[in-house]
Structures are given as C-alpha cells and as structure tokens.
Amino acid sequence: MELEADDEVLSRVADLFRTLIDREVMDNAKTVEALLSEGLQAIFDDLDLSVRAEIDIQRGKVSVDLITIQHHPNGVTTEGSSTDAYGGSVSTVQSVLLRIVVLNRRGLRPLLLLDESLAAVAEHYVPRVGQFLRVLSERMGLDILAVSHNPALVEASTTAYRIAKKNGKATFRRVGVGVEQGTGTVNEVP
C-alpha cells in the first residue's frame, strides 16, 4: 500500500515537471524566434531570413519546429527546416544561437564553448558570425571560448591566443586582434 502511494506521488511530480517544462518551452518560443531572426539577418545580410516557431502538442508533449523563412526579391517566400532547405551555414548559426538561449534561460554560467563549431559556415559569412558573436558577448555578458583555425574569428575577438607545441608542451602566445593575419603582435603568456 505504501509503495502504491509513493508511486502515485512520483507520477504526479513527473506530470508537474512535464507541465512546467512544456510551459517554459511555449513561453520562450518568441524569444527564440527573435534571437534567431536577428542573428540570421545580421549574418546573412544578403538573404532575407527569419525564423518562426510552430508549436504543437503531439502525444501529450509540446513539440516545437523552427521554420526558416526566406523572402526573395521577386516576392516569393520559401520556408523549411534549416537543415533541409538552407544547408550548413544557416543551421550551424541557428545551433550556436540556440545554445546561447539555453545558457541564458537556464541561468547557467555565461560561457559558450565552441570547438571548430563554425566550420560549416561559408567562408564569406564567417567575419559576420564573429562580429555578431562579439556583439552578443558584450550585450549579454557572455564569455565565448572559440577554438578555430579561421583568422576571421580571431579578428572579431577581443582576446586571441595561438597555441603551439614547444618542448613537448603547449605554449600560448597572445595575438593582437583587429589586424591582418600574420601581422598581429605576439607576446609570450606565462
């Protein structure tokens, strides 16, 4: 009898958590739409992109589909999943921005770690990605640690280091930012 009562309490707690999580998802859909749309417009300024969140309840659970929308100059509008309709650049940027939303909404330490996460972004968009991430970092008090071989991301950073192997150990050298690749100042970091 006591086990049945415990099972009933646990079941109700699980239902409460599901309800709270579903409510949070629905409440934050507009925030996600706004941040993703702002990011896509800032980075892909040659495309007229935005995002719409379609919220549905399937099998008793909240489901959110993020639809990427492109308005073409001829008046035609195309819509679809970023992974299906727009390729690596758009879906990669959306993925990074969604991680930022989660960090912000969960009250987690404002630190975003990106390890070659932007490799799928087309080369001509990378400088804008770096600039947008820098603006977000400053606006949100967000620290971003990005590991990259792409000099355009180095240019957008406030602090950059070059890692090299020296005597079997990793050494870090600070690289001046905002200058052409290879001409930055290099100072040994203890």
Protein backbone atom coordinates (compact mmCIF):
# COMPACT_ATOMS: atom_id res chain seq x y z
CA MET A 1 0.00 0.00 0.00
CA GLU A 2 2.80 2.41 0.91
CA LEU A 3 4.64 1.66 -2.35
CA GLU A 4 1.50 2.43 -4.36
CA ALA A 5 1.19 5.80 -2.60
CA ASP A 6 4.87 6.57 -3.33
CA ASP A 7 4.35 5.60 -6.96
CA GLU A 8 1.33 7.91 -7.19
CA VAL A 9 3.31 10.83 -5.71
CA LEU A 10 6.21 10.23 -8.10
CA SER A 11 3.83 10.05 -11.03
CA ARG A 12 2.24 13.38 -10.07
CA VAL A 13 5.66 15.01 -9.63
CA ALA A 14 6.70 13.76 -13.08
CA ASP A 15 3.49 15.19 -14.56
CA LEU A 16 4.13 18.52 -12.83
CA PHE A 17 7.71 18.67 -14.22
CA ARG A 18 6.44 17.86 -17.73
CA THR A 19 3.84 20.61 -17.46
CA LEU A 20 6.36 23.16 -16.20
CA ILE A 21 8.86 22.27 -18.93
CA ASP A 22 6.16 22.44 -21.62
CA ARG A 23 5.02 25.83 -20.35
CA GLU A 24 8.61 27.11 -20.38
CA VAL A 25 9.10 25.90 -23.95
CA MET A 26 5.95 27.66 -25.12
CA ASP A 27 6.78 30.87 -23.22
CA ASN A 28 10.28 31.03 -24.69
CA ALA A 29 9.37 30.31 -28.31
CA LYS A 30 9.03 34.04 -29.11
CA THR A 31 12.43 34.77 -27.56
CA VAL A 32 13.98 32.04 -29.68
CA GLU A 33 12.28 33.35 -32.82
CA ALA A 34 13.53 36.88 -32.15
CA LEU A 35 17.15 35.93 -31.42
CA LEU A 36 17.41 33.52 -34.33
CA SER A 37 15.85 36.03 -36.72
CA GLU A 38 18.14 38.82 -35.51
CA GLY A 39 21.19 36.59 -35.87
CA LEU A 40 20.28 35.35 -39.33
CA GLN A 41 19.57 38.90 -40.56
CA ALA A 42 22.85 40.22 -39.16
CA ILE A 43 24.98 37.40 -40.52
CA PHE A 44 23.24 36.57 -43.80
CA ASP A 45 22.57 40.16 -44.81
CA ASP A 46 22.36 39.20 -48.49
CA LEU A 47 19.41 36.90 -47.73
CA ASP A 48 16.14 37.98 -46.15
CA LEU A 49 15.88 35.25 -43.49
CA SER A 50 13.76 34.93 -40.37
CA VAL A 51 12.53 32.14 -38.10
CA ARG A 52 9.05 31.13 -37.00
CA ALA A 53 8.41 28.66 -34.17
CA GLU A 54 5.49 26.32 -34.80
CA ILE A 55 4.26 24.93 -31.50
CA ASP A 56 2.20 21.75 -31.45
CA ILE A 57 1.21 19.17 -28.87
CA GLN A 58 1.92 15.64 -30.01
CA ARG A 59 1.14 12.61 -27.85
CA GLY A 60 0.64 14.88 -24.86
CA LYS A 61 4.01 16.64 -25.25
CA VAL A 62 4.91 20.05 -26.59
CA SER A 63 6.71 19.97 -29.90
CA VAL A 64 8.44 22.97 -31.47
CA ASP A 65 9.52 23.11 -35.09
CA LEU A 66 11.72 26.01 -36.10
CA ILE A 67 10.86 27.07 -39.62
CA THR A 68 13.38 29.17 -41.53
CA ILE A 69 11.76 31.64 -43.90
CA GLN A 70 13.38 33.40 -46.84
CA HIS A 71 11.72 36.28 -48.65
CA HIS A 72 13.10 36.55 -52.17
CA PRO A 73 13.33 39.87 -54.06
CA ASN A 74 10.75 38.63 -56.60
CA GLY A 75 8.11 38.31 -53.85
CA VAL A 76 8.37 34.53 -53.50
CA THR A 77 8.70 33.15 -49.97
CA THR A 78 10.30 29.78 -49.20
CA GLU A 79 10.05 28.00 -45.88
CA GLY A 80 11.58 24.91 -44.41
CA SER A 81 13.81 23.35 -41.83
CA SER A 82 17.25 24.96 -41.88
CA THR A 83 18.94 21.57 -42.23
CA ASP A 84 16.74 20.56 -45.16
CA ALA A 85 16.38 23.84 -47.02
CA TYR A 86 19.38 26.03 -46.22
CA GLY A 87 22.44 23.89 -45.59
CA GLY A 88 25.27 24.02 -43.11
CA SER A 89 25.77 27.76 -42.73
CA VAL A 90 22.25 28.61 -41.57
CA SER A 91 21.74 25.52 -39.40
CA THR A 92 25.15 25.97 -37.74
CA VAL A 93 24.41 29.58 -36.84
CA GLN A 94 20.98 28.61 -35.51
CA SER A 95 22.55 25.85 -33.41
CA VAL A 96 25.03 28.25 -31.80
CA LEU A 97 22.30 30.80 -31.11
CA LEU A 98 20.07 28.13 -29.55
CA ARG A 99 22.91 27.20 -27.18
CA ILE A 100 23.08 30.85 -26.13
CA VAL A 101 19.33 30.89 -25.47
CA VAL A 102 19.65 27.79 -23.28
CA LEU A 103 22.56 29.28 -21.31
CA ASN A 104 20.63 32.49 -20.78
CA ARG A 105 17.29 30.93 -19.88
CA ARG A 106 18.77 28.35 -17.54
CA GLY A 107 20.82 30.94 -15.66
CA LEU A 108 23.95 28.93 -16.37
CA ARG A 109 27.40 30.49 -16.22
CA PRO A 110 27.54 32.73 -19.28
CA LEU A 111 30.24 30.74 -21.06
CA LEU A 112 29.87 29.36 -24.56
CA LEU A 113 32.45 26.83 -25.73
CA LEU A 114 32.86 26.43 -29.48
CA ASP A 115 35.41 23.90 -30.73
CA GLU A 116 35.55 24.30 -34.51
CA SER A 117 31.76 24.66 -34.31
CA LEU A 118 31.62 27.15 -37.16
CA ALA A 119 33.50 25.08 -39.76
CA ALA A 120 30.30 24.52 -41.79
CA VAL A 121 29.69 28.26 -42.19
CA ALA A 122 30.55 29.52 -45.68
CA GLU A 123 33.82 31.47 -45.60
CA HIS A 124 32.33 34.80 -46.69
CA TYR A 125 29.90 34.75 -43.72
CA VAL A 126 32.48 33.94 -41.03
CA PRO A 127 33.51 37.59 -40.39
CA ARG A 128 29.85 38.49 -39.79
CA VAL A 129 29.42 35.49 -37.48
CA GLY A 130 32.42 36.69 -35.48
CA GLN A 131 31.10 40.25 -35.32
CA PHE A 132 27.62 39.10 -34.28
CA LEU A 133 29.03 36.83 -31.56
CA ARG A 134 31.14 39.70 -30.28
CA VAL A 135 28.07 41.97 -30.08
CA LEU A 136 26.11 39.23 -28.28
CA SER A 137 29.01 38.65 -25.93
CA GLU A 138 29.15 42.31 -24.98
CA ARG A 139 25.37 42.73 -24.79
CA MET A 140 24.75 39.62 -22.69
CA GLY A 141 27.92 39.50 -20.60
CA LEU A 142 28.71 36.21 -22.31
CA ASP A 143 32.24 34.78 -22.47
CA ILE A 144 32.93 32.81 -25.64
CA LEU A 145 35.87 30.45 -25.95
CA ALA A 146 36.16 29.55 -29.61
CA VAL A 147 38.77 27.15 -30.90
CA SER A 148 39.27 27.87 -34.57
CA HIS A 149 41.76 27.91 -37.39
CA ASN A 150 39.81 30.70 -39.08
CA PRO A 151 41.56 34.10 -38.95
CA ALA A 152 38.25 35.94 -39.39
CA LEU A 153 37.14 34.76 -35.95
CA VAL A 154 40.45 35.92 -34.49
CA GLU A 155 39.83 39.36 -35.98
CA ALA A 156 36.44 39.60 -34.28
CA SER A 157 37.73 38.55 -30.87
CA THR A 158 38.75 40.79 -28.01
CA THR A 159 41.50 38.39 -26.95
CA ALA A 160 43.15 35.69 -29.02
CA TYR A 161 45.88 33.16 -28.40
CA ARG A 162 47.88 30.99 -30.72
CA ILE A 163 48.73 27.59 -29.29
CA ALA A 164 51.97 25.92 -30.31
CA LYS A 165 53.88 22.89 -29.17
CA LYS A 166 57.23 23.77 -27.58
CA ASN A 167 59.47 21.17 -25.95
CA GLY A 168 56.58 18.71 -25.88
CA LYS A 169 54.25 21.15 -24.11
CA ALA A 170 51.55 23.52 -25.27
CA THR A 171 52.51 27.18 -25.18
CA PHE A 172 50.11 30.06 -25.53
CA ARG A 173 51.02 33.26 -27.32
CA ARG A 174 48.71 36.22 -27.23
CA VAL A 175 47.91 37.55 -30.68
CA GLY A 176 46.94 41.17 -31.31
CA VAL A 177 43.44 41.41 -32.72
CA GLY A 178 41.91 43.66 -35.30
CA VAL A 179 44.90 43.31 -37.63
CA GLU A 180 45.65 41.25 -40.69
CA GLN A 181 46.61 37.63 -40.15
CA GLY A 182 50.32 37.23 -39.56
CA THR A 183 50.92 40.87 -38.62
CA GLY A 184 49.47 40.73 -35.11
CA THR A 185 51.67 41.30 -32.12
CA VAL A 186 52.70 38.12 -30.34
CA ASN A 187 53.55 38.14 -26.65
CA GLU A 188 54.53 35.05 -24.68
CA VAL A 189 51.98 34.29 -21.98
CA PRO A 190 53.40 32.78 -18.78
